[in-house]
C-alpha atoms as a PDB file:
ATOM      1  CA  MET A   1     -60.830 130.909 -52.953  1.00  0.00           C
ATOM      2  CA  LYS A   2     -63.034 128.317 -54.373  1.00  0.00           C
ATOM      3  CA  LYS A   3     -65.726 130.447 -54.554  1.00  0.00           C
ATOM      4  CA  PHE A   4     -63.907 133.293 -56.186  1.00  0.00           C
ATOM      5  CA  PHE A   5     -63.092 130.972 -59.137  1.00  0.00           C
ATOM      6  CA  ASN A   6     -66.690 130.121 -59.493  1.00  0.00           C
ATOM      7  CA  THR A   7     -67.672 133.708 -60.170  1.00  0.00           C
ATOM      8  CA  GLN A   8     -68.718 135.305 -63.312  1.00  0.00           C
ATOM      9  CA  PHE A   9     -65.979 137.889 -62.653  1.00  0.00           C
ATOM     10  CA  TRP A  10     -63.297 135.349 -62.653  1.00  0.00           C
ATOM     11  CA  LEU A  11     -64.446 134.340 -66.106  1.00  0.00           C
ATOM     12  CA  VAL A  12     -64.374 138.160 -67.286  1.00  0.00           C
ATOM     13  CA  ILE A  13     -60.941 138.672 -66.243  1.00  0.00           C
ATOM     14  CA  VAL A  14     -59.800 135.318 -67.774  1.00  0.00           C
ATOM     15  CA  SER A  15     -61.770 136.117 -71.156  1.00  0.00           C
ATOM     16  CA  ILE A  16     -60.440 139.733 -71.340  1.00  0.00           C
ATOM     17  CA  VAL A  17     -56.526 138.289 -70.438  1.00  0.00           C
ATOM     18  CA  PHE A  18     -57.065 135.630 -73.331  1.00  0.00           C
ATOM     19  CA  SER A  19     -58.283 138.059 -75.924  1.00  0.00           C
ATOM     20  CA  ILE A  20     -55.191 140.789 -75.126  1.00  0.00           C
ATOM     21  CA  LEU A  21     -53.009 137.860 -75.740  1.00  0.00           C
ATOM     22  CA  LEU A  22     -54.675 136.521 -78.873  1.00  0.00           C
ATOM     23  CA  PHE A  23     -54.465 140.521 -80.288  1.00  0.00           C
ATOM     24  CA  LEU A  24     -50.803 140.921 -79.296  1.00  0.00           C
ATOM     25  CA  THR A  25     -49.937 137.508 -80.976  1.00  0.00           C
ATOM     26  CA  ALA A  26     -51.600 138.574 -84.223  1.00  0.00           C
ATOM     27  CA  ALA A  27     -50.379 142.039 -84.231  1.00  0.00           C
ATOM     28  CA  SER A  28     -46.747 140.661 -83.221  1.00  0.00           C
ATOM     29  CA  SER A  29     -46.999 138.203 -86.193  1.00  0.00           C
ATOM     30  CA  ASN A  30     -47.327 141.490 -88.634  1.00  0.00           C
ATOM     31  CA  TYR A  31     -44.276 142.997 -87.671  1.00  0.00           C
ATOM     32  CA  THR A  32     -41.898 139.907 -87.561  1.00  0.00           C
ATOM     33  CA  ARG A  33     -43.015 139.028 -91.226  1.00  0.00           C
ATOM     34  CA  THR A  34     -42.375 142.705 -92.842  1.00  0.00           C
ATOM     35  CA  GLY A  35     -38.929 142.897 -91.074  1.00  0.00           C
ATOM     36  CA  SER A  36     -37.507 139.411 -92.176  1.00  0.00           C
ATOM     37  CA  GLN A  37     -35.419 138.683 -95.324  1.00  0.00           C
ATOM     38  CA  VAL A  38     -37.715 135.928 -96.522  1.00  0.00           C
ATOM     39  CA  SER A  39     -40.875 137.858 -96.429  1.00  0.00           C
ATOM     40  CA  GLY A  40     -42.718 135.791 -99.476  1.00  0.00           C
ATOM     41  CA  THR A  41     -43.446 138.689-101.583  1.00  0.00           C
ATOM     42  CA  THR A  42     -42.508 138.381-105.211  1.00  0.00           C
ATOM     43  CA  GLU A  43     -42.562 140.654-108.131  1.00  0.00           C
ATOM     44  CA  THR A  44     -44.945 139.653-110.864  1.00  0.00           C
ATOM     45  CA  TYR A  45     -44.145 141.028-114.627  1.00  0.00           C
ATOM     46  CA  THR A  46     -46.412 140.446-117.515  1.00  0.00           C
ATOM     47  CA  HIS A  47     -46.127 141.476-121.277  1.00  0.00           C
ATOM     48  CA  THR A  48     -48.519 140.566-123.830  1.00  0.00           C
ATOM     49  CA  LEU A  49     -47.472 139.404-127.348  1.00  0.00           C
ATOM     50  CA  GLU A  50     -49.378 140.358-130.184  1.00  0.00           C
ATOM     51  CA  ASN A  51     -49.814 138.936-133.800  1.00  0.00           C
ATOM     52  CA  VAL A  52     -48.190 135.678-133.071  1.00  0.00           C
ATOM     53  CA  PRO A  53     -49.571 132.973-135.390  1.00  0.00           C
ATOM     54  CA  ILE A  54     -50.866 130.120-133.366  1.00  0.00           C
ATOM     55  CA  ASP A  55     -51.215 126.320-134.725  1.00  0.00           C
ATOM     56  CA  ILE A  56     -53.888 124.700-132.906  1.00  0.00           C
ATOM     57  CA  LYS A  57     -53.974 121.032-133.378  1.00  0.00           C
ATOM     58  CA  TYR A  58     -56.973 119.168-132.058  1.00  0.00           C
ATOM     59  CA  ASP A  59     -59.789 116.613-132.555  1.00  0.00           C
ATOM     60  CA  THR A  60     -62.410 118.362-134.563  1.00  0.00           C
ATOM     61  CA  ASP A  61     -64.927 115.834-134.286  1.00  0.00           C
ATOM     62  CA  LYS A  62     -65.062 115.829-130.521  1.00  0.00           C
ATOM     63  CA  TYR A  63     -63.689 119.718-129.498  1.00  0.00           C
ATOM     64  CA  PHE A  64     -64.690 122.859-130.189  1.00  0.00           C
ATOM     65  CA  ILE A  65     -62.533 126.079-129.493  1.00  0.00           C
ATOM     66  CA  SER A  66     -64.468 129.049-128.686  1.00  0.00           C
ATOM     67  CA  GLY A  67     -62.905 132.616-128.875  1.00  0.00           C
ATOM     68  CA  TYR A  68     -60.496 131.689-131.542  1.00  0.00           C
ATOM     69  CA  SER A  69     -60.610 133.185-134.942  1.00  0.00           C
ATOM     70  CA  TYR A  70     -60.213 130.489-137.620  1.00  0.00           C
ATOM     71  CA  GLU A  71     -59.494 132.528-140.390  1.00  0.00           C
ATOM     72  CA  LYS A  72     -55.668 133.280-141.476  1.00  0.00           C
ATOM     73  CA  ARG A  73     -54.177 136.436-140.595  1.00  0.00           C
ATOM     74  CA  PHE A  74     -51.092 137.674-141.975  1.00  0.00           C
ATOM     75  CA  ILE A  75     -48.793 140.446-140.712  1.00  0.00           C
END
């Protein structure tokens, strides 16, 4: 029996069983998450507002805002 545990065949058997166990654990976690009430999925809604006046107050001597038009726009 001791000789059997020292063979390469024993290591192959153990590694195959371990890999099947890991696969089943990963596959079953996907099924349990989808069937639960708290699945963690949330819905995200976006809405873009246009033509909204923005008043930016900052230290003009230290900072510069790129991508902002400084001309006043009237609707």
